[in-house]
Structure formats: C-alpha cells, structure tokens
Amino acid sequence: MNNSDSSKGSTVFTRALDWIEKVGNKLPHPFMLFVYLALGVILISSVIGWYGVSFEDPQSGETIAVQPLLSVDGLEYILSSMLSNFTGFAPLGLVLVMMFGIGLAQKVGLMETFMKKTILQAPKRLVTYAVIFTGVLGNLASDAAFVIVPPLAAMVFYSIGRHPLVGIAAGFAGVGAGFTANIMITGTDALLSGITTEVAQTVNPEIVVSPVDNYYFMASSVIMLVVVGAWITERIIEPRLGTYDSKLGDDSVTSDEIEQITPEKNRALRNAGIFGLLYVLIVATTIVPANGILRGEDGGFLNSPFLSNIIPIILFFFIIIAVAYGVSVKAIKKPGDVPDYMASAIKDMSGYIVLIFAASQFIAYFGWTNLSSFLAVSGADALISANFTGMPVIIGFILLATILNLFIFSGSAQWALMAPIFVPMFMYLDYNPAFVQLAYRIADSSTNVITPLNPYVPIILALMKRYDSRSGFGTLFSIMLPYSLIFLGLWITIMIVWTLIGLPIGPGVGMYLN
C-alpha cells in the first residue's frame, strides 16, 4: 500500500467485515447448530405432517406424504436410528481411515519437511509460485498448513529482499483459497463425497459419489491457482504494499533465521519418495495392463475395483511414505510407534467426530420425514416455472454458498447444512450430485481467506504485526480480497467452459445425470 494506512479508502469494506464478524460470532457452535436444526425438522415435519401435506415424486409418479417425527412412528425412529445414523454416516469411516495415513505422515514430520523443502529449494524468480503451490498441496495436512506455510513464506520473502507481508498473502491464499484443490485425493474429497452420497441416496439409493468424482477438475485447478495466484501477488499485492521498511517490524523479526532442512531429513524425504514411487509402480501394474486385476469386469477403468477402493489404496500410500520417513529420522523406532501416531492424529479429529454425530441425525431426520424431497421438488418446480435453470442456476447457487461461507467457516458443516436441500433439488433438475458438490467447493474455497470467522485469522494477524506494527484487520482482508474475487470469477468461468466443451469433472462424471 506504499506504506500508507490500509484502512484508508476501505471504510465501507472494513465495516462490512466487522458486521459479518459480529453476526457470525453470534451463530451457535456448529454442533449446536445441527442440534437446533434437528429440533426444527422435528417441529416443522410434525406441523406439516398433521395437515396431511403430500407431493408427487417426479421420477416415480408416486404420491409421498411428509411424515411427522412427533408421532409414534417418528419417536420410535428417533430412538432406534440414533446409533445407525451416526455409525452408518458415509463420511465418518472415509475420513477417519484417510486420517490414519495422512495423520501419520503429518505426525512424523513428513508434511512439514516437504512443504519447507518445496519453498526453500525454489529459485528466487519462482518463490511466489512455490509458496502458492505448497499452500495448495498443504491441504493434505489439513489445517496444519495454515500455521506452516504463511510464516515460512514471510521469512523467505524477507530473506530475499521482498516484502514479508506479500509472502504471507501468497501463503495464506494458497492454503485458504486453494484449500479444496489438489493433485492428490485428500480428506476433503472423502468428507464431501460422503456427505453428498448420504444425501443423494435419499432420492436414488443407487447413487454413489466417490472421492474421485471431482478429481479431473480440481487437479487441473491447481495450475490456475498457482499461475493466477502468482500473478495477483506480483502484479497487484506487491506493488500495492511497496518497499518494506524493516523499522516497522519487531526487533526480533529481522534477526530470525530460516531453519534449514537437515541432511537427515533430506535423506528421509528421498527414502519416502523412493518407497512411494515403488508403491505407485506396483499399483500401476494392476490397472495399466488391459487384464489388470484392479480393472473392471469388462476391462474398463470407470467401474473398476481401483476407483471403488481408492481410499484404501491412498491409505497404504501414505502409510508407506510416512513409515519410510519416520524410520529414517528415527521418529519411528519400533512398530508400536505407528499406531501411537495414528491415535494421536485421530485425537485431533475428535471435534469432527462430535460434529458428525449431530449432523448425521439432522440429515437422517430430514430424509425420513420427506421434508428434503418436499423442498427439493417444490424448489425444482419453482425454478422451472421461472425458467431459471441451466448454468445460471448453478452460478446462483455458488454465489449463495460464498455468502454463507462468510458466516460458517467449516466447509464440512456448511455442506452438511446445504446438501440436504440443494443436492435433491438439483437432482430433480437432472444435475449430477457430484457436479453440485463441485460448485459448492468453488464457492467455499474461494472465500476462505476473507471470512472473519476463519479461526486462523488471529494467527495471520499476529504474524503480520510482527513485520508491520500498523497491520490490522483491514490490512489483511484488503490484500486478500483480490485473490478471493479473481479466483472465484476465474473458477466459475473455467467451470462454464469445462461443461460447454463436455469434459468430465471426474472419471465418467459430467454435469448431468443422464
């Protein structure tokens, strides 16, 4: 900002953010939010059910009545289904199994070392690209990337004579705005696809949305995020912030030294890479040959054991590279250390497990009462009557999700809230639920860096103040807004072009069901 006060010229924007933060902070905890929603479903279904409201299923032509939960059958369902709603909730097993492998890799230090090496080894002219790329890939380590990449980026930028706040912005953009994209299948893919499947099966029990159903689009998006993110950083953010004055930072900040990767960790990374490559080659022998044992019965790839069992395959990959790294750095000294690290990773998921208990009850009640189908059919009929279909309705859905994301930071909580309404509604309009999920991911990811309810904002603000004591809430969001708006606009544009060309967003997955 050429060392000018970041709040000048952004009063309206800052006030809007302050209002969003104030309103968002008044929302209940996500767990309690789903408890209240479940209670709401109980009351609303009972009122509507008592009036005998029914609707016609457009697919089967069958007349379906809204079932009240405040009834003998309803109360019996609430009690008898509580455990199965939770233990049978599709995302629960998928995410926990993924975390066995990814969590192990994180606990032994593999993720942190990989991120550091990628940034520190990059040539000066490619540092910006390396920071954003590392941030995007960092979502493998889930939220850990938020506390690793931006601080490291600030130190690297300062060490090469560039503004450290620019490094923070690039790192935060990669980790936050690029959170849903990756060149690998991640826990996010497993979590969202599980929720989508759970909801979609209330309309069609045979539909399964797998963790790879958005892969082609999201893997390709990494290129856009890195290239465009670097352009925003170097053409918009860096000129705006101007030359860095080290006098504005803490005395300690100028003396900070970047911790170099030790030879032992370098060897460990090499060993992890070798074992990972060997595993990939072994898996390739099961799917590349026409008679590969993980190909489908017809020799195809789409309906194959490989795709339907992608989570265990990825789990073994992460366990192998994590063990190779952990043994090399002596973080794993005996076989019993492996389950101990896994248990530690699952402990970090305790909040998610508790949240899923409440969310699973809400989604189950919503489906059993037929409220989800009633709202979906009514909404679909209204959209058709208003001639509001096709790509415009998807864009409208994306914009709605971006607004909600400003108030609900948790991507899984927001999707568990939106999916029961919008997935069935769009399915009645013949949209593939995997495509609806993709649209949501674009909205959720793009706005992660501008929502005041992001729990990592205080950490980023504290980091910024270390380098520039004048930094504040307005500074952060004024430099992150270009990333959010440009990523969102380009992502929507790419999605439109992608579907017009007819490219699949994942193996055998398109925009429509038929």
Protein backbone atom coordinates (compact mmCIF):
# COMPACT_ATOMS: atom_id res chain seq x y z
CA MET A 1 0.00 0.00 0.00
CA ASN A 2 3.09 2.14 -0.37
CA ASN A 3 3.30 2.24 3.41
CA SER A 4 0.02 4.07 3.77
CA ASP A 5 -2.69 3.24 6.29
CA SER A 6 -4.54 0.21 4.98
CA SER A 7 -7.85 1.44 6.34
CA LYS A 8 -7.99 4.48 4.06
CA GLY A 9 -10.33 4.06 1.16
CA SER A 10 -11.69 0.82 2.56
CA THR A 11 -14.04 2.07 5.29
CA VAL A 12 -17.16 0.51 3.80
CA PHE A 13 -15.38 -2.78 3.23
CA THR A 14 -13.99 -2.82 6.76
CA ARG A 15 -17.39 -2.03 8.24
CA ALA A 16 -18.93 -4.83 6.22
CA LEU A 17 -16.32 -7.27 7.51
CA ASP A 18 -16.86 -6.08 11.06
CA TRP A 19 -20.61 -6.67 10.65
CA ILE A 20 -20.02 -10.16 9.23
CA GLU A 21 -17.72 -10.99 12.12
CA LYS A 22 -20.22 -9.68 14.67
CA VAL A 23 -23.14 -11.63 13.18
CA GLY A 24 -21.06 -14.74 12.60
CA ASN A 25 -19.79 -14.78 16.16
CA LYS A 26 -23.39 -14.87 17.37
CA LEU A 27 -24.07 -18.10 15.49
CA PRO A 28 -24.08 -21.16 17.73
CA HIS A 29 -21.31 -23.75 17.71
CA PRO A 30 -21.69 -25.97 14.58
CA PHE A 31 -22.65 -28.92 16.81
CA MET A 32 -25.44 -26.93 18.46
CA LEU A 33 -26.46 -25.51 15.08
CA PHE A 34 -27.25 -29.03 13.87
CA VAL A 35 -29.00 -29.86 17.14
CA TYR A 36 -31.26 -26.82 16.65
CA LEU A 37 -31.81 -27.77 13.01
CA ALA A 38 -32.77 -31.31 14.02
CA LEU A 39 -35.26 -29.91 16.52
CA GLY A 40 -36.57 -27.63 13.79
CA VAL A 41 -37.10 -30.61 11.49
CA ILE A 42 -38.99 -32.41 14.27
CA LEU A 43 -41.35 -29.48 14.79
CA ILE A 44 -41.82 -28.46 11.15
CA SER A 45 -42.37 -32.01 9.91
CA SER A 46 -44.95 -32.55 12.62
CA VAL A 47 -46.89 -29.40 11.78
CA ILE A 48 -46.82 -30.09 8.02
CA GLY A 49 -47.49 -33.80 8.54
CA TRP A 50 -50.54 -33.16 10.72
CA TYR A 51 -52.04 -31.13 7.87
CA GLY A 52 -51.55 -34.09 5.54
CA VAL A 53 -49.25 -32.31 3.08
CA SER A 54 -48.08 -34.56 0.24
CA PHE A 55 -46.37 -34.20 -3.14
CA GLU A 56 -45.76 -36.22 -6.28
CA ASP A 57 -42.31 -37.66 -6.91
CA PRO A 58 -41.46 -36.52 -10.46
CA GLN A 59 -39.37 -39.63 -11.08
CA SER A 60 -41.74 -42.38 -9.93
CA GLY A 61 -45.05 -40.51 -10.05
CA GLU A 62 -45.73 -41.78 -6.54
CA THR A 63 -47.57 -39.56 -4.04
CA ILE A 64 -45.42 -39.04 -0.95
CA ALA A 65 -46.60 -37.60 2.36
CA VAL A 66 -44.50 -35.61 4.82
CA GLN A 67 -44.05 -37.80 7.89
CA PRO A 68 -44.23 -36.18 11.35
CA LEU A 69 -41.49 -37.01 13.81
CA LEU A 70 -43.76 -36.15 16.74
CA SER A 71 -45.71 -39.38 16.28
CA VAL A 72 -45.44 -42.95 17.48
CA ASP A 73 -43.52 -43.99 14.35
CA GLY A 74 -41.43 -40.83 14.44
CA LEU A 75 -40.37 -41.16 18.06
CA GLU A 76 -39.55 -44.82 17.51
CA TYR A 77 -37.41 -43.83 14.52
CA ILE A 78 -35.55 -41.16 16.52
CA LEU A 79 -34.61 -43.69 19.22
CA SER A 80 -33.94 -46.74 17.05
CA SER A 81 -31.92 -44.95 14.37
CA MET A 82 -29.68 -42.73 16.53
CA LEU A 83 -26.71 -45.11 16.56
CA SER A 84 -27.05 -46.26 12.95
CA ASN A 85 -27.42 -42.66 11.75
CA PHE A 86 -24.01 -41.97 13.28
CA THR A 87 -22.07 -45.17 12.63
CA GLY A 88 -23.56 -45.58 9.15
CA PHE A 89 -22.84 -41.99 8.11
CA ALA A 90 -20.75 -42.36 4.95
CA PRO A 91 -18.15 -39.62 5.55
CA LEU A 92 -17.22 -40.88 9.03
CA GLY A 93 -15.36 -44.03 8.02
CA LEU A 94 -13.87 -42.48 4.89
CA VAL A 95 -12.34 -39.52 6.69
CA LEU A 96 -11.09 -41.45 9.72
CA VAL A 97 -9.41 -44.06 7.51
CA MET A 98 -7.78 -41.32 5.41
CA MET A 99 -6.50 -39.68 8.59
CA PHE A 100 -4.74 -42.90 9.63
CA GLY A 101 -2.38 -42.39 6.71
CA ILE A 102 -2.28 -38.63 6.28
CA GLY A 103 -2.22 -38.08 10.05
CA LEU A 104 0.70 -40.48 10.40
CA ALA A 105 2.61 -38.59 7.70
CA GLN A 106 1.91 -35.33 9.49
CA LYS A 107 2.85 -36.57 12.97
CA VAL A 108 6.25 -37.94 11.91
CA GLY A 109 7.07 -34.58 10.27
CA LEU A 110 6.91 -35.60 6.62
CA MET A 111 4.34 -32.99 5.63
CA GLU A 112 6.16 -30.08 7.26
CA THR A 113 9.53 -31.07 5.81
CA PHE A 114 8.05 -31.49 2.32
CA MET A 115 6.44 -28.03 2.47
CA LYS A 116 9.63 -26.40 3.73
CA LYS A 117 11.80 -28.06 1.12
CA THR A 118 9.49 -27.09 -1.73
CA ILE A 119 9.63 -23.42 -0.74
CA LEU A 120 13.29 -23.20 0.33
CA GLN A 121 14.64 -25.02 -2.73
CA ALA A 122 12.77 -22.86 -5.24
CA PRO A 123 14.79 -20.38 -7.35
CA LYS A 124 14.18 -16.73 -6.38
CA ARG A 125 12.14 -16.00 -9.50
CA LEU A 126 9.87 -18.97 -8.74
CA VAL A 127 9.48 -18.42 -5.00
CA THR A 128 5.97 -16.99 -5.35
CA TYR A 129 4.85 -19.98 -7.41
CA ALA A 130 6.47 -22.39 -4.93
CA VAL A 131 4.74 -20.74 -1.96
CA ILE A 132 1.28 -20.91 -3.53
CA PHE A 133 1.82 -24.42 -4.89
CA THR A 134 2.97 -25.62 -1.47
CA GLY A 135 -0.01 -23.92 0.17
CA VAL A 136 -2.47 -25.60 -2.19
CA LEU A 137 -0.88 -29.03 -1.70
CA GLY A 138 -0.68 -28.31 2.01
CA ASN A 139 -4.34 -29.16 2.48
CA LEU A 140 -3.12 -32.75 2.61
CA ALA A 141 -2.01 -31.81 6.12
CA SER A 142 -5.41 -30.21 6.70
CA ASP A 143 -5.28 -27.09 8.87
CA ALA A 144 -1.61 -27.57 9.75
CA ALA A 145 -0.70 -25.80 6.51
CA PHE A 146 -2.22 -22.57 7.86
CA VAL A 147 0.44 -22.39 10.57
CA ILE A 148 3.36 -23.63 8.46
CA VAL A 149 3.22 -22.01 5.03
CA PRO A 150 2.48 -18.28 5.72
CA PRO A 151 5.19 -17.84 8.42
CA LEU A 152 7.75 -19.68 6.30
CA ALA A 153 6.78 -17.63 3.23
CA ALA A 154 7.22 -14.37 5.18
CA MET A 155 10.72 -15.35 6.27
CA VAL A 156 11.73 -16.46 2.77
CA PHE A 157 10.41 -13.26 1.16
CA TYR A 158 12.20 -11.11 3.75
CA SER A 159 15.45 -13.02 3.29
CA ILE A 160 15.48 -12.30 -0.47
CA GLY A 161 14.62 -8.61 -0.05
CA ARG A 162 10.90 -8.78 -0.76
CA HIS A 163 8.03 -7.55 1.40
CA PRO A 164 7.26 -10.23 4.04
CA LEU A 165 3.55 -9.32 4.04
CA VAL A 166 3.49 -10.28 0.36
CA GLY A 167 4.82 -13.70 1.33
CA ILE A 168 2.14 -14.03 4.00
CA ALA A 169 -0.55 -13.09 1.47
CA ALA A 170 0.71 -15.64 -1.07
CA GLY A 171 0.95 -18.38 1.53
CA PHE A 172 -2.47 -17.65 3.01
CA ALA A 173 -4.02 -17.52 -0.47
CA GLY A 174 -2.57 -20.90 -1.41
CA VAL A 175 -3.61 -22.60 1.81
CA GLY A 176 -7.01 -20.92 2.22
CA ALA A 177 -8.38 -20.06 -1.21
CA GLY A 178 -6.86 -23.19 -2.70
CA PHE A 179 -7.94 -25.46 0.12
CA THR A 180 -10.23 -27.68 -1.93
CA ALA A 181 -7.89 -28.27 -4.89
CA ASN A 182 -5.05 -30.78 -5.02
CA ILE A 183 -3.23 -33.14 -7.36
CA MET A 184 -3.97 -35.96 -4.91
CA ILE A 185 -7.13 -37.33 -3.36
CA THR A 186 -7.41 -35.80 0.10
CA GLY A 187 -9.53 -35.98 3.23
CA THR A 188 -11.68 -33.17 1.84
CA ASP A 189 -12.63 -35.33 -1.16
CA ALA A 190 -13.61 -38.19 1.14
CA LEU A 191 -15.55 -35.98 3.54
CA LEU A 192 -17.61 -34.04 1.00
CA SER A 193 -18.32 -37.01 -1.26
CA GLY A 194 -19.51 -38.97 1.76
CA ILE A 195 -22.00 -36.26 2.72
CA THR A 196 -23.14 -35.93 -0.90
CA THR A 197 -23.68 -39.69 -1.20
CA GLU A 198 -25.62 -39.81 2.06
CA VAL A 199 -27.99 -37.10 0.82
CA ALA A 200 -28.23 -38.23 -2.82
CA GLN A 201 -29.32 -41.70 -1.76
CA THR A 202 -32.47 -40.24 -0.23
CA VAL A 203 -33.52 -39.60 -3.85
CA ASN A 204 -31.82 -42.54 -5.56
CA PRO A 205 -30.38 -45.28 -3.30
CA GLU A 206 -28.12 -46.49 -6.10
CA ILE A 207 -26.17 -43.24 -6.49
CA VAL A 208 -22.66 -43.14 -5.07
CA VAL A 209 -20.44 -40.04 -5.24
CA SER A 210 -16.86 -41.24 -4.86
CA PRO A 211 -13.83 -39.24 -3.64
CA VAL A 212 -12.51 -39.12 -7.23
CA ASP A 213 -15.66 -37.66 -8.83
CA ASN A 214 -14.27 -34.09 -8.81
CA TYR A 215 -10.64 -35.09 -9.38
CA TYR A 216 -10.10 -34.03 -13.01
CA PHE A 217 -11.44 -30.54 -12.40
CA MET A 218 -9.79 -29.99 -9.02
CA ALA A 219 -6.39 -31.33 -10.08
CA SER A 220 -6.45 -29.05 -13.13
CA SER A 221 -7.48 -26.15 -10.90
CA VAL A 222 -4.11 -26.34 -9.15
CA ILE A 223 -2.47 -24.91 -12.27
CA MET A 224 -4.90 -22.00 -12.37
CA LEU A 225 -4.49 -21.25 -8.68
CA VAL A 226 -0.69 -21.25 -8.84
CA VAL A 227 -0.32 -19.21 -12.05
CA VAL A 228 -3.08 -16.71 -11.32
CA GLY A 229 -2.17 -16.55 -7.62
CA ALA A 230 1.42 -15.65 -8.52
CA TRP A 231 0.19 -13.01 -10.96
CA ILE A 232 -2.05 -11.43 -8.32
CA THR A 233 0.81 -11.49 -5.81
CA GLU A 234 3.41 -9.90 -8.08
CA ARG A 235 1.21 -7.56 -10.13
CA ILE A 236 -1.35 -6.38 -7.56
CA ILE A 237 -0.30 -7.09 -3.97
CA GLU A 238 3.44 -6.43 -4.16
CA PRO A 239 3.21 -3.05 -5.96
CA ARG A 240 0.44 -2.01 -3.57
CA LEU A 241 2.48 -2.74 -0.45
CA GLY A 242 5.61 -1.12 -1.85
CA THR A 243 9.09 -1.39 -0.37
CA TYR A 244 9.33 -2.96 3.05
CA ASP A 245 10.66 -0.84 5.93
CA SER A 246 12.23 -3.16 8.49
CA LYS A 247 11.82 -0.47 11.17
CA LEU A 248 8.11 -1.28 11.24
CA GLY A 249 8.76 -4.82 12.44
CA ASP A 250 9.71 -6.27 15.79
CA ASP A 251 13.38 -6.16 16.65
CA SER A 252 13.41 -9.94 16.73
CA VAL A 253 11.91 -10.36 13.29
CA THR A 254 14.92 -9.06 11.39
CA SER A 255 17.20 -11.47 13.22
CA ASP A 256 15.06 -14.55 12.61
CA GLU A 257 16.85 -17.21 10.62
CA ILE A 258 15.19 -19.81 8.48
CA GLU A 259 15.70 -23.25 9.90
CA GLN A 260 17.36 -25.27 7.16
CA ILE A 261 16.42 -28.85 6.44
CA THR A 262 18.99 -31.18 7.94
CA PRO A 263 20.80 -33.81 5.82
CA GLU A 264 18.97 -36.47 7.83
CA LYS A 265 15.57 -35.05 6.83
CA ASN A 266 16.69 -34.72 3.22
CA ARG A 267 17.64 -38.39 3.18
CA ALA A 268 14.33 -39.24 4.81
CA LEU A 269 12.43 -37.34 2.11
CA ARG A 270 14.40 -39.18 -0.54
CA ASN A 271 13.63 -42.53 1.06
CA ALA A 272 9.93 -41.64 1.32
CA GLY A 273 9.96 -40.68 -2.35
CA ILE A 274 11.61 -43.95 -3.38
CA PHE A 275 9.18 -46.11 -1.44
CA GLY A 276 6.24 -44.01 -2.65
CA LEU A 277 7.34 -44.42 -6.27
CA LEU A 278 7.76 -48.18 -5.85
CA TYR A 279 4.23 -48.40 -4.43
CA VAL A 280 2.81 -46.37 -7.33
CA LEU A 281 4.58 -48.64 -9.83
CA ILE A 282 3.15 -51.73 -8.14
CA VAL A 283 -0.38 -50.26 -8.20
CA ALA A 284 0.15 -49.30 -11.85
CA THR A 285 0.72 -52.95 -12.74
CA THR A 286 -2.81 -53.69 -11.52
CA ILE A 287 -4.58 -51.06 -13.63
CA VAL A 288 -2.42 -50.21 -16.68
CA PRO A 289 -2.46 -53.63 -18.39
CA ALA A 290 -5.75 -54.50 -20.09
CA ASN A 291 -6.04 -57.57 -17.87
CA GLY A 292 -5.01 -55.77 -14.67
CA ILE A 293 -6.56 -57.28 -11.54
CA LEU A 294 -7.98 -53.92 -10.40
CA ARG A 295 -9.72 -53.21 -13.70
CA GLY A 296 -13.44 -53.72 -14.12
CA GLU A 297 -15.02 -56.97 -15.29
CA ASP A 298 -15.21 -55.58 -18.81
CA GLY A 299 -11.59 -54.45 -18.63
CA GLY A 300 -12.69 -50.85 -18.17
CA PHE A 301 -11.44 -48.25 -15.72
CA LEU A 302 -14.60 -46.37 -14.71
CA ASN A 303 -16.44 -49.19 -12.93
CA SER A 304 -13.30 -50.80 -11.56
CA PRO A 305 -12.18 -52.08 -8.16
CA PHE A 306 -9.42 -49.46 -8.34
CA LEU A 307 -11.80 -46.49 -8.27
CA SER A 308 -14.28 -48.05 -5.86
CA ASN A 309 -11.44 -48.81 -3.44
CA ILE A 310 -9.40 -45.64 -3.90
CA ILE A 311 -9.41 -44.76 -0.18
CA PRO A 312 -7.60 -47.94 0.99
CA ILE A 313 -5.14 -47.56 -1.91
CA ILE A 314 -4.33 -43.99 -0.87
CA LEU A 315 -4.19 -45.03 2.80
CA PHE A 316 -1.44 -47.57 2.07
CA PHE A 317 0.48 -44.97 0.04
CA PHE A 318 0.60 -42.53 2.94
CA ILE A 319 1.44 -45.24 5.47
CA ILE A 320 4.35 -46.42 3.33
CA ILE A 321 5.90 -42.99 2.78
CA ALA A 322 5.24 -41.95 6.38
CA VAL A 323 6.91 -45.06 7.78
CA ALA A 324 9.86 -44.66 5.39
CA TYR A 325 10.31 -41.06 6.51
CA GLY A 326 9.66 -41.74 10.19
CA VAL A 327 12.15 -44.62 10.37
CA SER A 328 14.77 -42.53 8.55
CA VAL A 329 14.52 -39.62 11.02
CA LYS A 330 14.13 -42.04 13.96
CA ALA A 331 10.63 -40.70 14.75
CA ILE A 332 9.54 -44.33 14.41
CA LYS A 333 11.80 -46.58 16.46
CA LYS A 334 9.51 -49.56 16.96
CA PRO A 335 6.35 -50.91 15.27
CA GLY A 336 4.20 -49.72 18.19
CA ASP A 337 5.06 -46.10 17.35
CA VAL A 338 2.93 -46.29 14.19
CA PRO A 339 -0.43 -46.88 15.89
CA ASP A 340 0.52 -44.34 18.57
CA TYR A 341 0.97 -41.65 15.92
CA MET A 342 -2.26 -42.73 14.24
CA ALA A 343 -4.11 -42.49 17.54
CA SER A 344 -2.69 -39.00 18.06
CA ALA A 345 -3.95 -37.98 14.62
CA ILE A 346 -7.43 -39.31 15.39
CA LYS A 347 -7.45 -37.33 18.65
CA ASP A 348 -7.15 -34.20 16.52
CA MET A 349 -10.33 -35.34 14.73
CA SER A 350 -12.38 -35.53 17.93
CA GLY A 351 -14.18 -32.25 17.20
CA TYR A 352 -15.13 -33.52 13.75
CA ILE A 353 -16.46 -36.80 15.19
CA VAL A 354 -18.65 -34.94 17.68
CA LEU A 355 -19.93 -32.62 14.92
CA ILE A 356 -20.76 -35.57 12.67
CA PHE A 357 -22.95 -37.12 15.40
CA ALA A 358 -25.27 -34.10 15.34
CA ALA A 359 -25.06 -33.56 11.57
CA SER A 360 -25.90 -37.21 10.85
CA GLN A 361 -29.07 -37.00 12.95
CA PHE A 362 -30.21 -33.82 11.17
CA ILE A 363 -29.64 -35.31 7.71
CA ALA A 364 -31.36 -38.58 8.66
CA TYR A 365 -34.40 -36.79 10.11
CA PHE A 366 -34.58 -34.55 7.05
CA GLY A 367 -34.69 -37.62 4.80
CA TRP A 368 -37.06 -39.78 6.89
CA THR A 369 -39.70 -37.05 7.16
CA ASN A 370 -39.55 -36.49 3.36
CA LEU A 371 -39.04 -32.78 4.05
CA SER A 372 -35.89 -32.85 1.90
CA SER A 373 -37.81 -34.29 -1.07
CA PHE A 374 -40.73 -31.92 -0.49
CA LEU A 375 -38.46 -28.85 -0.51
CA ALA A 376 -36.44 -30.23 -3.41
CA VAL A 377 -39.47 -30.90 -5.61
CA SER A 378 -41.05 -27.56 -4.69
CA GLY A 379 -37.79 -25.71 -5.36
CA ALA A 380 -37.21 -27.51 -8.64
CA ASP A 381 -40.78 -26.75 -9.81
CA ALA A 382 -40.31 -23.07 -8.87
CA LEU A 383 -37.04 -22.85 -10.81
CA ILE A 384 -38.57 -24.50 -13.87
CA SER A 385 -41.62 -22.22 -13.71
CA ALA A 386 -39.32 -19.19 -13.53
CA ASN A 387 -37.24 -20.66 -16.38
CA PHE A 388 -34.22 -20.38 -14.08
CA THR A 389 -32.24 -23.49 -14.97
CA GLY A 390 -29.01 -24.41 -16.71
CA MET A 391 -25.76 -22.72 -15.81
CA PRO A 392 -27.38 -19.54 -14.34
CA VAL A 393 -28.96 -21.53 -11.51
CA ILE A 394 -25.60 -23.17 -10.72
CA ILE A 395 -23.90 -19.77 -10.63
CA GLY A 396 -26.65 -18.50 -8.33
CA PHE A 397 -26.02 -21.48 -6.05
CA ILE A 398 -22.28 -20.71 -6.00
CA LEU A 399 -22.91 -17.08 -5.05
CA LEU A 400 -25.26 -18.16 -2.26
CA ALA A 401 -22.62 -20.55 -0.92
CA THR A 402 -19.98 -17.78 -0.94
CA ILE A 403 -22.23 -15.61 1.20
CA LEU A 404 -22.94 -18.41 3.66
CA ASN A 405 -19.22 -19.22 3.85
CA LEU A 406 -18.60 -15.77 5.32
CA PHE A 407 -20.64 -16.86 8.35
CA ILE A 408 -19.86 -20.60 8.54
CA PHE A 409 -16.15 -21.31 8.10
CA SER A 410 -16.27 -25.09 8.44
CA GLY A 411 -16.61 -26.46 4.92
CA SER A 412 -17.99 -29.79 6.11
CA ALA A 413 -20.54 -28.13 8.42
CA GLN A 414 -21.72 -25.80 5.68
CA TRP A 415 -22.03 -28.63 3.15
CA ALA A 416 -23.88 -30.80 5.67
CA LEU A 417 -26.26 -27.85 6.05
CA MET A 418 -26.71 -27.08 2.34
CA ALA A 419 -26.54 -30.54 0.77
CA PRO A 420 -29.84 -31.92 2.16
CA ILE A 421 -31.70 -29.08 0.45
CA PHE A 422 -29.78 -28.42 -2.75
CA VAL A 423 -28.50 -31.86 -3.77
CA PRO A 424 -32.02 -33.39 -4.07
CA MET A 425 -33.38 -30.22 -5.67
CA PHE A 426 -30.70 -30.21 -8.36
CA MET A 427 -31.05 -33.96 -8.84
CA TYR A 428 -34.72 -33.41 -9.72
CA LEU A 429 -33.42 -30.97 -12.32
CA ASP A 430 -31.18 -33.79 -13.61
CA TYR A 431 -27.89 -32.37 -12.27
CA ASN A 432 -25.29 -34.85 -11.12
CA PRO A 433 -24.81 -34.50 -7.33
CA ALA A 434 -21.04 -34.64 -7.87
CA PHE A 435 -21.34 -31.53 -10.06
CA VAL A 436 -23.38 -29.73 -7.40
CA GLN A 437 -20.67 -30.64 -4.91
CA LEU A 438 -18.05 -29.21 -7.27
CA ALA A 439 -19.94 -25.92 -7.49
CA TYR A 440 -20.04 -25.75 -3.69
CA ARG A 441 -16.30 -26.41 -3.42
CA ILE A 442 -15.55 -23.48 -5.71
CA ALA A 443 -17.56 -21.13 -3.51
CA ASP A 444 -16.27 -22.47 -0.21
CA SER A 445 -12.59 -22.43 -1.18
CA SER A 446 -12.56 -19.01 -2.83
CA THR A 447 -13.89 -17.16 0.21
CA ASN A 448 -11.92 -18.92 2.95
CA VAL A 449 -9.39 -16.07 3.08
CA ILE A 450 -11.89 -13.25 3.54
CA THR A 451 -14.24 -14.66 6.14
CA PRO A 452 -13.57 -13.05 9.53
CA LEU A 453 -14.63 -16.33 11.15
CA ASN A 454 -11.59 -18.19 9.84
CA PRO A 455 -10.01 -19.41 13.12
CA TYR A 456 -6.54 -18.85 11.68
CA VAL A 457 -7.10 -15.16 11.04
CA PRO A 458 -5.81 -14.18 14.53
CA ILE A 459 -2.64 -16.18 13.85
CA ILE A 460 -2.13 -14.50 10.48
CA LEU A 461 -2.81 -11.07 12.00
CA ALA A 462 -0.28 -11.66 14.78
CA LEU A 463 2.26 -12.74 12.18
CA MET A 464 1.63 -9.63 10.08
CA LYS A 465 2.06 -7.37 13.10
CA ARG A 466 5.49 -8.88 13.72
CA TYR A 467 6.60 -7.48 10.38
CA ASP A 468 4.46 -4.33 10.30
CA SER A 469 3.06 -2.97 13.57
CA ARG A 470 0.46 -0.94 11.65
CA SER A 471 -1.20 -4.04 10.24
CA GLY A 472 -4.74 -4.75 11.25
CA PHE A 473 -7.94 -6.48 10.28
CA GLY A 474 -8.49 -4.17 7.31
CA THR A 475 -4.94 -4.71 6.05
CA LEU A 476 -5.34 -8.45 5.91
CA PHE A 477 -8.67 -8.52 4.14
CA SER A 478 -7.85 -5.73 1.73
CA ILE A 479 -4.84 -7.67 0.44
CA MET A 480 -6.71 -10.98 0.39
CA LEU A 481 -9.84 -9.71 -1.40
CA PRO A 482 -8.21 -9.70 -4.89
CA TYR A 483 -7.31 -13.37 -4.51
CA SER A 484 -10.84 -14.26 -3.43
CA LEU A 485 -12.67 -12.34 -6.16
CA ILE A 486 -10.34 -13.27 -9.02
CA PHE A 487 -10.15 -16.95 -8.04
CA LEU A 488 -13.94 -17.10 -7.74
CA GLY A 489 -14.53 -15.37 -11.09
CA LEU A 490 -11.99 -17.48 -12.96
CA TRP A 491 -13.13 -20.71 -11.34
CA ILE A 492 -16.72 -20.05 -12.41
CA THR A 493 -15.53 -19.18 -15.92
CA ILE A 494 -13.45 -22.36 -16.15
CA MET A 495 -16.40 -24.41 -14.90
CA ILE A 496 -18.63 -22.92 -17.60
CA VAL A 497 -16.10 -23.57 -20.37
CA TRP A 498 -15.37 -27.03 -18.97
CA THR A 499 -19.01 -28.07 -19.15
CA LEU A 500 -19.61 -26.43 -22.55
CA ILE A 501 -16.75 -28.45 -24.00
CA GLY A 502 -18.20 -31.53 -22.33
CA LEU A 503 -15.15 -32.50 -20.30
CA PRO A 504 -15.74 -34.87 -17.38
CA ILE A 505 -15.11 -33.41 -13.90
CA GLY A 506 -14.05 -36.85 -12.70
CA PRO A 507 -13.90 -40.38 -14.12
CA GLY A 508 -17.14 -40.75 -16.06
CA VAL A 509 -18.80 -37.81 -14.28
CA GLY A 510 -20.42 -34.89 -16.08
CA MET A 511 -22.80 -32.06 -15.32
CA TYR A 512 -25.99 -34.08 -15.72
CA LEU A 513 -27.18 -37.47 -14.51
CA ASN A 514 -28.41 -38.56 -17.94
